[in-house]
PDB file of all heavy atoms in Angstrom:
ATOM      1  N   SER A   1     102.857 -28.663-185.268  1.00  0.00           N
ATOM      2  CA  SER A   1     102.485 -28.379-183.931  1.00  0.00           C
ATOM      3  C   SER A   1     101.027 -27.855-183.920  1.00  0.00           C
ATOM      4  O   SER A   1     100.479 -27.444-185.014  1.00  0.00           O
ATOM      5  CB  SER A   1     103.319 -27.253-183.162  1.00  0.00           C
ATOM      6  OG  SER A   1     103.163 -26.108-183.662  1.00  0.00           O
ATOM      7  N   VAL A   2     100.356 -27.820-182.820  1.00  0.00           N
ATOM      8  CA  VAL A   2      98.975 -27.292-182.769  1.00  0.00           C
ATOM      9  C   VAL A   2      98.896 -25.843-183.202  1.00  0.00           C
ATOM     10  O   VAL A   2      98.082 -25.495-183.935  1.00  0.00           O
ATOM     11  CB  VAL A   2      98.289 -27.502-181.336  1.00  0.00           C
ATOM     12  CG1 VAL A   2      96.901 -26.951-181.278  1.00  0.00           C
ATOM     13  CG2 VAL A   2      98.275 -28.974-181.161  1.00  0.00           C
ATOM     14  N   ASN A   3      99.900 -25.078-182.693  1.00  0.00           N
ATOM     15  CA  ASN A   3      99.976 -23.687-183.088  1.00  0.00           C
ATOM     16  C   ASN A   3     100.197 -23.496-184.542  1.00  0.00           C
ATOM     17  O   ASN A   3      99.615 -22.552-185.211  1.00  0.00           O
ATOM     18  CB  ASN A   3     101.074 -22.949-182.266  1.00  0.00           C
ATOM     19  CG  ASN A   3     100.740 -22.656-180.922  1.00  0.00           C
ATOM     20  OD1 ASN A   3      99.530 -22.343-180.544  1.00  0.00           O
ATOM     21  ND2 ASN A   3     101.677 -22.724-179.906  1.00  0.00           N
ATOM     22  N   ASP A   4     101.067 -24.277-185.156  1.00  0.00           N
ATOM     23  CA  ASP A   4     101.364 -24.240-186.648  1.00  0.00           C
ATOM     24  C   ASP A   4     100.047 -24.499-187.377  1.00  0.00           C
ATOM     25  O   ASP A   4      99.714 -23.764-188.401  1.00  0.00           O
ATOM     26  CB  ASP A   4     102.314 -25.301-187.062  1.00  0.00           C
ATOM     27  CG  ASP A   4     103.756 -25.133-186.582  1.00  0.00           C
ATOM     28  OD1 ASP A   4     104.058 -23.827-186.285  1.00  0.00           O
ATOM     29  OD2 ASP A   4     104.525 -26.017-186.546  1.00  0.00           O
ATOM     30  N   VAL A   5      99.326 -25.519-186.974  1.00  0.00           N
ATOM     31  CA  VAL A   5      97.984 -25.801-187.606  1.00  0.00           C
ATOM     32  C   VAL A   5      97.083 -24.650-187.516  1.00  0.00           C
ATOM     33  O   VAL A   5      96.305 -24.356-188.454  1.00  0.00           O
ATOM     34  CB  VAL A   5      97.418 -27.163-187.022  1.00  0.00           C
ATOM     35  CG1 VAL A   5      96.002 -27.337-187.557  1.00  0.00           C
ATOM     36  CG2 VAL A   5      98.311 -28.308-187.476  1.00  0.00           C
ATOM     37  N   ALA A   6      96.947 -24.066-186.334  1.00  0.00           N
ATOM     38  CA  ALA A   6      96.082 -22.931-186.066  1.00  0.00           C
ATOM     39  C   ALA A   6      96.301 -21.827-187.133  1.00  0.00           C
ATOM     40  O   ALA A   6      95.352 -21.295-187.703  1.00  0.00           O
ATOM     41  CB  ALA A   6      96.211 -22.424-184.749  1.00  0.00           C
ATOM     42  N   GLU A   7      97.620 -21.561-187.258  1.00  0.00           N
ATOM     43  CA  GLU A   7      98.056 -20.539-188.273  1.00  0.00           C
ATOM     44  C   GLU A   7      97.688 -21.032-189.675  1.00  0.00           C
ATOM     45  O   GLU A   7      97.371 -20.104-190.559  1.00  0.00           O
ATOM     46  CB  GLU A   7      99.457 -20.095-188.044  1.00  0.00           C
ATOM     47  CG  GLU A   7      99.708 -19.310-186.800  1.00  0.00           C
ATOM     48  CD  GLU A   7     101.187 -19.015-186.646  1.00  0.00           C
ATOM     49  OE1 GLU A   7     101.894 -19.030-187.637  1.00  0.00           O
ATOM     50  OE2 GLU A   7     101.608 -18.602-185.422  1.00  0.00           O
ATOM     51  N   MET A   8      97.978 -22.201-189.929  1.00  0.00           N
ATOM     52  CA  MET A   8      97.736 -22.727-191.358  1.00  0.00           C
ATOM     53  C   MET A   8      96.238 -22.673-191.775  1.00  0.00           C
ATOM     54  O   MET A   8      95.936 -22.610-193.012  1.00  0.00           O
ATOM     55  CB  MET A   8      98.305 -24.166-191.429  1.00  0.00           C
ATOM     56  CG  MET A   8      99.750 -24.312-191.325  1.00  0.00           C
ATOM     57  SD  MET A   8     100.360 -25.969-191.109  1.00  0.00           S
ATOM     58  CE  MET A   8     100.304 -26.523-192.784  1.00  0.00           C
ATOM     59  N   VAL A   9      95.314 -22.670-190.790  1.00  0.00           N
ATOM     60  CA  VAL A   9      93.871 -22.747-191.041  1.00  0.00           C
ATOM     61  C   VAL A   9      93.271 -21.273-190.790  1.00  0.00           C
ATOM     62  O   VAL A   9      92.077 -21.204-190.783  1.00  0.00           O
ATOM     63  CB  VAL A   9      93.198 -23.829-190.550  1.00  0.00           C
ATOM     64  CG1 VAL A   9      93.636 -25.147-190.911  1.00  0.00           C
ATOM     65  CG2 VAL A   9      93.194 -23.779-189.006  1.00  0.00           C
ATOM     66  N   GLY A  10      94.150 -20.258-190.637  1.00  0.00           N
ATOM     67  CA  GLY A  10      93.634 -18.934-190.545  1.00  0.00           C
ATOM     68  C   GLY A  10      93.275 -18.368-189.155  1.00  0.00           C
ATOM     69  O   GLY A  10      92.499 -17.501-189.112  1.00  0.00           O
ATOM     70  N   TYR A  11      93.865 -18.912-188.086  1.00  0.00           N
ATOM     71  CA  TYR A  11      93.606 -18.484-186.814  1.00  0.00           C
ATOM     72  C   TYR A  11      94.924 -18.039-186.157  1.00  0.00           C
ATOM     73  O   TYR A  11      95.900 -18.727-186.064  1.00  0.00           O
ATOM     74  CB  TYR A  11      93.059 -19.663-185.881  1.00  0.00           C
ATOM     75  CG  TYR A  11      91.641 -19.954-186.261  1.00  0.00           C
ATOM     76  CD1 TYR A  11      91.368 -20.931-187.160  1.00  0.00           C
ATOM     77  CD2 TYR A  11      90.565 -19.407-185.477  1.00  0.00           C
ATOM     78  CE1 TYR A  11      90.027 -21.245-187.546  1.00  0.00           C
ATOM     79  CE2 TYR A  11      89.239 -19.778-185.845  1.00  0.00           C
ATOM     80  CZ  TYR A  11      88.952 -20.755-186.783  1.00  0.00           C
ATOM     81  OH  TYR A  11      87.755 -21.023-187.107  1.00  0.00           O
ATOM     82  N   ASN A  12      95.006 -16.683-185.925  1.00  0.00           N
ATOM     83  CA  ASN A  12      96.183 -16.089-185.214  1.00  0.00           C
ATOM     84  C   ASN A  12      95.857 -16.038-183.727  1.00  0.00           C
ATOM     85  O   ASN A  12      96.826 -15.625-182.989  1.00  0.00           O
ATOM     86  CB  ASN A  12      96.611 -14.792-185.764  1.00  0.00           C
ATOM     87  CG  ASN A  12      95.510 -13.755-185.673  1.00  0.00           C
ATOM     88  OD1 ASN A  12      94.443 -13.979-185.240  1.00  0.00           O
ATOM     89  ND2 ASN A  12      95.857 -12.555-186.331  1.00  0.00           N
ATOM     90  N   ASN A  13      94.707 -16.373-183.326  1.00  0.00           N
ATOM     91  CA  ASN A  13      94.426 -16.340-181.876  1.00  0.00           C
ATOM     92  C   ASN A  13      94.212 -17.806-181.394  1.00  0.00           C
ATOM     93  O   ASN A  13      93.236 -18.428-181.649  1.00  0.00           O
ATOM     94  CB  ASN A  13      93.177 -15.580-181.578  1.00  0.00           C
ATOM     95  CG  ASN A  13      92.716 -15.518-180.153  1.00  0.00           C
ATOM     96  OD1 ASN A  13      92.985 -16.302-179.366  1.00  0.00           O
ATOM     97  ND2 ASN A  13      91.984 -14.384-179.952  1.00  0.00           N
ATOM     98  N   TYR A  14      95.159 -18.429-180.713  1.00  0.00           N
ATOM     99  CA  TYR A  14      95.105 -19.766-180.312  1.00  0.00           C
ATOM    100  C   TYR A  14      93.912 -20.193-179.415  1.00  0.00           C
ATOM    101  O   TYR A  14      93.281 -21.179-179.827  1.00  0.00           O
ATOM    102  CB  TYR A  14      96.444 -20.302-179.655  1.00  0.00           C
ATOM    103  CG  TYR A  14      96.324 -21.815-179.324  1.00  0.00           C
ATOM    104  CD1 TYR A  14      96.452 -22.867-180.174  1.00  0.00           C
ATOM    105  CD2 TYR A  14      96.080 -22.101-177.921  1.00  0.00           C
ATOM    106  CE1 TYR A  14      96.234 -24.103-179.940  1.00  0.00           C
ATOM    107  CE2 TYR A  14      95.876 -23.458-177.588  1.00  0.00           C
ATOM    108  CZ  TYR A  14      95.973 -24.425-178.591  1.00  0.00           C
ATOM    109  OH  TYR A  14      95.841 -25.733-178.232  1.00  0.00           O
ATOM    110  N   PRO A  15      93.596 -19.375-178.428  1.00  0.00           N
ATOM    111  CA  PRO A  15      92.354 -19.787-177.547  1.00  0.00           C
ATOM    112  C   PRO A  15      91.144 -19.834-178.424  1.00  0.00           C
ATOM    113  O   PRO A  15      90.267 -20.694-178.192  1.00  0.00           O
ATOM    114  CB  PRO A  15      92.269 -18.668-176.510  1.00  0.00           C
ATOM    115  CG  PRO A  15      93.766 -18.184-176.455  1.00  0.00           C
ATOM    116  CD  PRO A  15      94.348 -18.319-177.874  1.00  0.00           C
ATOM    117  N   TYR A  16      90.995 -18.972-179.390  1.00  0.00           N
ATOM    118  CA  TYR A  16      89.787 -18.991-180.236  1.00  0.00           C
ATOM    119  C   TYR A  16      89.805 -20.208-181.078  1.00  0.00           C
ATOM    120  O   TYR A  16      88.782 -20.822-181.323  1.00  0.00           O
ATOM    121  CB  TYR A  16      89.625 -17.554-181.052  1.00  0.00           C
ATOM    122  CG  TYR A  16      88.411 -17.590-181.869  1.00  0.00           C
ATOM    123  CD1 TYR A  16      87.152 -17.624-181.405  1.00  0.00           C
ATOM    124  CD2 TYR A  16      88.529 -17.517-183.344  1.00  0.00           C
ATOM    125  CE1 TYR A  16      86.016 -17.476-182.036  1.00  0.00           C
ATOM    126  CE2 TYR A  16      87.391 -17.491-184.025  1.00  0.00           C
ATOM    127  CZ  TYR A  16      86.225 -17.430-183.414  1.00  0.00           C
ATOM    128  OH  TYR A  16      85.033 -17.432-184.225  1.00  0.00           O
ATOM    129  N   PHE A  17      90.933 -20.574-181.707  1.00  0.00           N
ATOM    130  CA  PHE A  17      91.089 -21.777-182.492  1.00  0.00           C
ATOM    131  C   PHE A  17      90.664 -23.009-181.689  1.00  0.00           C
ATOM    132  O   PHE A  17      90.024 -23.806-182.023  1.00  0.00           O
ATOM    133  CB  PHE A  17      92.592 -21.846-183.040  1.00  0.00           C
ATOM    134  CG  PHE A  17      92.713 -23.265-183.657  1.00  0.00           C
ATOM    135  CD1 PHE A  17      92.234 -23.649-184.865  1.00  0.00           C
ATOM    136  CD2 PHE A  17      93.679 -24.147-182.995  1.00  0.00           C
ATOM    137  CE1 PHE A  17      92.545 -24.894-185.340  1.00  0.00           C
ATOM    138  CE2 PHE A  17      93.832 -25.379-183.437  1.00  0.00           C
ATOM    139  CZ  PHE A  17      93.318 -25.784-184.683  1.00  0.00           C
ATOM    140  N   ALA A  18      91.381 -22.986-180.377  1.00  0.00           N
ATOM    141  CA  ALA A  18      91.016 -24.256-179.653  1.00  0.00           C
ATOM    142  C   ALA A  18      89.508 -24.327-179.282  1.00  0.00           C
ATOM    143  O   ALA A  18      89.042 -25.484-179.296  1.00  0.00           O
ATOM    144  CB  ALA A  18      91.822 -24.123-178.272  1.00  0.00           C
ATOM    145  N   SER A  19      88.966 -23.272-179.035  1.00  0.00           N
ATOM    146  CA  SER A  19      87.458 -23.311-178.688  1.00  0.00           C
ATOM    147  C   SER A  19      86.614 -23.655-179.900  1.00  0.00           C
ATOM    148  O   SER A  19      85.708 -24.568-179.787  1.00  0.00           O
ATOM    149  CB  SER A  19      86.930 -22.019-177.983  1.00  0.00           C
ATOM    150  OG  SER A  19      86.960 -21.012-178.881  1.00  0.00           O
ATOM    151  N   SER A  20      86.966 -23.225-181.048  1.00  0.00           N
ATOM    152  CA  SER A  20      86.294 -23.553-182.211  1.00  0.00           C
ATOM    153  C   SER A  20      86.510 -25.007-182.620  1.00  0.00           C
ATOM    154  O   SER A  20      85.636 -25.735-183.021  1.00  0.00           O
ATOM    155  CB  SER A  20      86.733 -22.656-183.484  1.00  0.00           C
ATOM    156  OG  SER A  20      86.451 -21.375-183.183  1.00  0.00           O
ATOM    157  N   PHE A  21      87.747 -25.473-182.581  1.00  0.00           N
ATOM    158  CA  PHE A  21      88.111 -26.835-182.701  1.00  0.00           C
ATOM    159  C   PHE A  21      87.365 -27.717-181.872  1.00  0.00           C
ATOM    160  O   PHE A  21      86.771 -28.839-182.329  1.00  0.00           O
ATOM    161  CB  PHE A  21      89.614 -27.000-182.522  1.00  0.00           C
ATOM    162  CG  PHE A  21      90.048 -28.354-183.172  1.00  0.00           C
ATOM    163  CD1 PHE A  21      90.509 -28.499-184.392  1.00  0.00           C
ATOM    164  CD2 PHE A  21      90.092 -29.458-182.254  1.00  0.00           C
ATOM    165  CE1 PHE A  21      90.951 -29.653-184.898  1.00  0.00           C
ATOM    166  CE2 PHE A  21      90.529 -30.700-182.759  1.00  0.00           C
ATOM    167  CZ  PHE A  21      91.012 -30.824-183.972  1.00  0.00           C
ATOM    168  N   LYS A  22      87.246 -27.426-180.623  1.00  0.00           N
ATOM    169  CA  LYS A  22      86.605 -28.284-179.561  1.00  0.00           C
ATOM    170  C   LYS A  22      85.100 -28.408-179.896  1.00  0.00           C
ATOM    171  O   LYS A  22      84.457 -29.475-179.875  1.00  0.00           O
ATOM    172  CB  LYS A  22      86.814 -27.846-178.270  1.00  0.00           C
ATOM    173  CG  LYS A  22      86.251 -28.707-177.107  1.00  0.00           C
ATOM    174  CD  LYS A  22      86.498 -28.204-175.747  1.00  0.00           C
ATOM    175  CE  LYS A  22      85.919 -29.206-174.676  1.00  0.00           C
ATOM    176  NZ  LYS A  22      86.256 -28.900-173.303  1.00  0.00           N
ATOM    177  N   ARG A  23      84.449 -27.224-180.277  1.00  0.00           N
ATOM    178  CA  ARG A  23      83.010 -27.318-180.710  1.00  0.00           C
ATOM    179  C   ARG A  23      82.870 -28.200-182.014  1.00  0.00           C
ATOM    180  O   ARG A  23      81.845 -28.918-181.985  1.00  0.00           O
ATOM    181  CB  ARG A  23      82.565 -25.885-180.937  1.00  0.00           C
ATOM    182  CG  ARG A  23      81.808 -25.156-179.962  1.00  0.00           C
ATOM    183  CD  ARG A  23      81.110 -23.919-180.396  1.00  0.00           C
ATOM    184  NE  ARG A  23      81.902 -23.015-181.268  1.00  0.00           N
ATOM    185  CZ  ARG A  23      82.724 -22.078-180.906  1.00  0.00           C
ATOM    186  NH1 ARG A  23      82.784 -21.927-179.451  1.00  0.00           N
ATOM    187  NH2 ARG A  23      83.373 -21.263-181.610  1.00  0.00           N
ATOM    188  N   PHE A  24      83.748 -28.093-182.849  1.00  0.00           N
ATOM    189  CA  PHE A  24      83.605 -28.864-184.127  1.00  0.00           C
ATOM    190  C   PHE A  24      83.952 -30.346-183.881  1.00  0.00           C
ATOM    191  O   PHE A  24      83.233 -31.201-184.381  1.00  0.00           O
ATOM    192  CB  PHE A  24      84.456 -28.259-185.159  1.00  0.00           C
ATOM    193  CG  PHE A  24      84.239 -28.824-186.573  1.00  0.00           C
ATOM    194  CD1 PHE A  24      83.199 -28.339-187.351  1.00  0.00           C
ATOM    195  CD2 PHE A  24      85.016 -29.831-187.114  1.00  0.00           C
ATOM    196  CE1 PHE A  24      83.014 -28.854-188.533  1.00  0.00           C
ATOM    197  CE2 PHE A  24      84.887 -30.448-188.361  1.00  0.00           C
ATOM    198  CZ  PHE A  24      83.815 -29.902-189.085  1.00  0.00           C
ATOM    199  N   HIS A  25      85.100 -30.609-183.257  1.00  0.00           N
ATOM    200  CA  HIS A  25      85.542 -32.036-183.180  1.00  0.00           C
ATOM    201  C   HIS A  25      85.196 -32.726-181.840  1.00  0.00           C
ATOM    202  O   HIS A  25      85.374 -33.910-181.732  1.00  0.00           O
ATOM    203  CB  HIS A  25      87.097 -32.058-183.429  1.00  0.00           C
ATOM    204  CG  HIS A  25      87.431 -31.876-184.783  1.00  0.00           C
ATOM    205  ND1 HIS A  25      87.403 -32.816-185.781  1.00  0.00           N
ATOM    206  CD2 HIS A  25      87.953 -30.889-185.354  1.00  0.00           C
ATOM    207  CE1 HIS A  25      87.805 -32.412-186.948  1.00  0.00           C
ATOM    208  NE2 HIS A  25      88.143 -31.102-186.715  1.00  0.00           N
ATOM    209  N   GLY A  26      84.757 -31.985-180.865  1.00  0.00           N
ATOM    210  CA  GLY A  26      84.363 -32.548-179.573  1.00  0.00           C
ATOM    211  C   GLY A  26      85.484 -32.839-178.562  1.00  0.00           C
ATOM    212  O   GLY A  26      85.189 -33.293-177.612  1.00  0.00           O
ATOM    213  N   CYS A  27      86.660 -32.311-178.915  1.00  0.00           N
ATOM    214  CA  CYS A  27      87.766 -32.486-177.948  1.00  0.00           C
ATOM    215  C   CYS A  27      88.840 -31.335-178.371  1.00  0.00           C
ATOM    216  O   CYS A  27      88.805 -30.883-179.507  1.00  0.00           O
ATOM    217  CB  CYS A  27      88.460 -33.827-178.039  1.00  0.00           C
ATOM    218  SG  CYS A  27      89.232 -34.179-179.638  1.00  0.00           S
ATOM    219  N   PRO A  28      89.655 -30.903-177.453  1.00  0.00           N
ATOM    220  CA  PRO A  28      90.640 -29.919-177.595  1.00  0.00           C
ATOM    221  C   PRO A  28      91.717 -30.406-178.768  1.00  0.00           C
ATOM    222  O   PRO A  28      91.889 -31.656-179.001  1.00  0.00           O
ATOM    223  CB  PRO A  28      91.322 -29.749-176.335  1.00  0.00           C
ATOM    224  CG  PRO A  28      90.478 -30.338-175.273  1.00  0.00           C
ATOM    225  CD  PRO A  28      89.789 -31.445-176.109  1.00  0.00           C
ATOM    226  N   PRO A  29      92.277 -29.550-179.462  1.00  0.00           N
ATOM    227  CA  PRO A  29      93.201 -29.797-180.587  1.00  0.00           C
ATOM    228  C   PRO A  29      94.325 -30.720-180.078  1.00  0.00           C
ATOM    229  O   PRO A  29      94.760 -31.676-180.826  1.00  0.00           O
ATOM    230  CB  PRO A  29      93.706 -28.467-181.166  1.00  0.00           C
ATOM    231  CG  PRO A  29      93.117 -27.445-180.364  1.00  0.00           C
ATOM    232  CD  PRO A  29      92.118 -28.027-179.305  1.00  0.00           C
ATOM    233  N   LEU A  30      94.928 -30.505-178.887  1.00  0.00           N
ATOM    234  CA  LEU A  30      96.059 -31.283-178.559  1.00  0.00           C
ATOM    235  C   LEU A  30      95.696 -32.673-178.213  1.00  0.00           C
ATOM    236  O   LEU A  30      96.371 -33.668-178.566  1.00  0.00           O
ATOM    237  CB  LEU A  30      96.637 -30.616-177.128  1.00  0.00           C
ATOM    238  CG  LEU A  30      97.889 -31.139-176.769  1.00  0.00           C
ATOM    239  CD1 LEU A  30      99.099 -30.930-177.854  1.00  0.00           C
ATOM    240  CD2 LEU A  30      98.487 -30.381-175.508  1.00  0.00           C
ATOM    241  N   GLN A  31      94.414 -32.914-177.533  1.00  0.00           N
ATOM    242  CA  GLN A  31      94.086 -34.279-177.320  1.00  0.00           C
ATOM    243  C   GLN A  31      93.775 -34.922-178.680  1.00  0.00           C
ATOM    244  O   GLN A  31      94.069 -36.150-178.807  1.00  0.00           O
ATOM    245  CB  GLN A  31      92.791 -34.160-176.477  1.00  0.00           C
ATOM    246  CG  GLN A  31      92.187 -35.526-176.209  1.00  0.00           C
ATOM    247  CD  GLN A  31      90.799 -35.457-175.449  1.00  0.00           C
ATOM    248  OE1 GLN A  31      90.450 -34.431-174.978  1.00  0.00           O
ATOM    249  NE2 GLN A  31      90.020 -36.497-175.621  1.00  0.00           N
ATOM    250  N   TYR A  32      93.197 -34.280-179.583  1.00  0.00           N
ATOM    251  CA  TYR A  32      92.866 -34.776-180.929  1.00  0.00           C
ATOM    252  C   TYR A  32      94.168 -35.225-181.657  1.00  0.00           C
ATOM    253  O   TYR A  32      94.239 -36.234-182.203  1.00  0.00           O
ATOM    254  CB  TYR A  32      92.172 -33.752-181.806  1.00  0.00           C
ATOM    255  CG  TYR A  32      91.766 -34.264-183.140  1.00  0.00           C
ATOM    256  CD1 TYR A  32      90.502 -34.786-183.334  1.00  0.00           C
ATOM    257  CD2 TYR A  32      92.547 -34.184-184.207  1.00  0.00           C
ATOM    258  CE1 TYR A  32      90.038 -35.285-184.565  1.00  0.00           C
ATOM    259  CE2 TYR A  32      92.218 -34.542-185.560  1.00  0.00           C
ATOM    260  CZ  TYR A  32      90.900 -35.197-185.671  1.00  0.00           C
ATOM    261  OH  TYR A  32      90.511 -35.628-186.902  1.00  0.00           O
ATOM    262  N   LYS A  33      95.164 -34.368-181.494  1.00  0.00           N
ATOM    263  CA  LYS A  33      96.540 -34.662-182.092  1.00  0.00           C
ATOM    264  C   LYS A  33      97.035 -35.939-181.518  1.00  0.00           C
ATOM    265  O   LYS A  33      97.490 -36.840-182.224  1.00  0.00           O
ATOM    266  CB  LYS A  33      97.392 -33.570-181.898  1.00  0.00           C
ATOM    267  CG  LYS A  33      98.816 -33.722-182.540  1.00  0.00           C
ATOM    268  CD  LYS A  33      99.563 -32.369-182.554  1.00  0.00           C
ATOM    269  CE  LYS A  33     100.914 -32.611-183.249  1.00  0.00           C
ATOM    270  NZ  LYS A  33     100.993 -32.932-184.567  1.00  0.00           N
ATOM    271  N   LYS A  34      97.092 -36.098-180.204  1.00  0.00           N
ATOM    272  CA  LYS A  34      97.547 -37.207-179.470  1.00  0.00           C
ATOM    273  C   LYS A  34      96.942 -38.555-179.872  1.00  0.00           C
ATOM    274  O   LYS A  34      97.453 -39.583-180.001  1.00  0.00           O
ATOM    275  CB  LYS A  34      97.453 -36.993-178.005  1.00  0.00           C
ATOM    276  CG  LYS A  34      98.601 -36.123-177.454  1.00  0.00           C
ATOM    277  CD  LYS A  34      98.475 -35.825-175.995  1.00  0.00           C
ATOM    278  CE  LYS A  34      99.511 -34.804-175.499  1.00  0.00           C
ATOM    279  NZ  LYS A  34      99.276 -34.487-174.091  1.00  0.00           N
ATOM    280  N   GLU A  35      95.616 -38.426-180.022  1.00  0.00           N
ATOM    281  CA  GLU A  35      94.726 -39.579-180.292  1.00  0.00           C
ATOM    282  C   GLU A  35      94.836 -40.031-181.780  1.00  0.00           C
ATOM    283  O   GLU A  35      94.538 -41.191-182.181  1.00  0.00           O
ATOM    284  CB  GLU A  35      93.254 -39.389-179.925  1.00  0.00           C
ATOM    285  CG  GLU A  35      93.077 -39.284-178.390  1.00  0.00           C
ATOM    286  CD  GLU A  35      91.673 -38.904-177.943  1.00  0.00           C
ATOM    287  OE1 GLU A  35      90.819 -38.619-178.889  1.00  0.00           O
ATOM    288  OE2 GLU A  35      91.474 -38.870-176.800  1.00  0.00           O
ATOM    289  N   ASN A  36      95.106 -39.031-182.766  1.00  0.00           N
ATOM    290  CA  ASN A  36      94.891 -39.303-184.096  1.00  0.00           C
ATOM    291  C   ASN A  36      96.241 -39.237-184.890  1.00  0.00           C
ATOM    292  O   ASN A  36      96.258 -39.364-186.107  1.00  0.00           O
ATOM    293  CB  ASN A  36      93.906 -38.376-184.714  1.00  0.00           C
ATOM    294  CG  ASN A  36      92.530 -38.608-184.140  1.00  0.00           C
ATOM    295  OD1 ASN A  36      91.897 -39.636-184.581  1.00  0.00           O
ATOM    296  ND2 ASN A  36      92.086 -37.735-183.306  1.00  0.00           N
ATOM    297  N   GLU A  37      97.378 -38.921-184.199  1.00  0.00           N
ATOM    298  CA  GLU A  37      98.583 -38.698-184.935  1.00  0.00           C
ATOM    299  C   GLU A  37      99.099 -39.864-185.623  1.00  0.00           C
ATOM    300  O   GLU A  37      99.078 -40.921-185.093  1.00  0.00           O
ATOM    301  CB  GLU A  37      99.692 -38.163-184.029  1.00  0.00           C
ATOM    302  CG  GLU A  37     100.833 -37.556-184.634  1.00  0.00           C
ATOM    303  CD  GLU A  37     101.711 -36.859-183.524  1.00  0.00           C
ATOM    304  OE1 GLU A  37     102.316 -37.621-182.710  1.00  0.00           O
ATOM    305  OE2 GLU A  37     101.852 -35.591-183.648  1.00  0.00           O
ATOM    306  N   ILE A  38      99.430 -39.752-186.814  1.00  0.00           N
ATOM    307  CA  ILE A  38     100.015 -40.946-187.679  1.00  0.00           C
ATOM    308  C   ILE A  38     101.462 -40.824-187.633  1.00  0.00           C
ATOM    309  O   ILE A  38     102.063 -39.868-187.917  1.00  0.00           O
ATOM    310  CB  ILE A  38      99.485 -40.853-189.211  1.00  0.00           C
ATOM    311  CG1 ILE A  38      97.940 -40.830-189.168  1.00  0.00           C
ATOM    312  CG2 ILE A  38     100.053 -41.819-189.976  1.00  0.00           C
ATOM    313  CD1 ILE A  38      97.310 -40.486-190.582  1.00  0.00           C
ATOM    314  N   THR A  39     101.951 -42.004-187.195  1.00  0.00           N
ATOM    315  CA  THR A  39     103.486 -41.938-187.008  1.00  0.00           C
ATOM    316  C   THR A  39     104.369 -42.108-188.275  1.00  0.00           C
ATOM    317  O   THR A  39     105.397 -41.740-188.288  1.00  0.00           O
ATOM    318  CB  THR A  39     103.826 -43.076-185.991  1.00  0.00           C
ATOM    319  OG1 THR A  39     103.338 -44.279-186.373  1.00  0.00           O
ATOM    320  CG2 THR A  39     103.282 -42.763-184.627  1.00  0.00           C
ATOM    321  N   ASN A  40     103.771 -42.621-189.268  1.00  0.00           N
ATOM    322  CA  ASN A  40     104.484 -42.989-190.462  1.00  0.00           C
ATOM    323  C   ASN A  40     104.291 -41.826-191.486  1.00  0.00           C
ATOM    324  O   ASN A  40     104.019 -42.113-192.596  1.00  0.00           O
ATOM    325  CB  ASN A  40     104.143 -44.291-191.150  1.00  0.00           C
ATOM    326  CG  ASN A  40     104.553 -45.333-190.079  1.00  0.00           C
ATOM    327  OD1 ASN A  40     105.438 -45.266-189.367  1.00  0.00           O
ATOM    328  ND2 ASN A  40     103.835 -46.467-190.274  1.00  0.00           N
TER     329      ASN A  40
END
């Protein structure tokens, strides 16, 4: 999940993770996950 990933990369504050992720990748983590998730 997005929360799992946030914790796995050292963020215990989800809003801070989400804003950092958006700055880096250009979209929120949930949107990124939906667009890039590999089903297999």
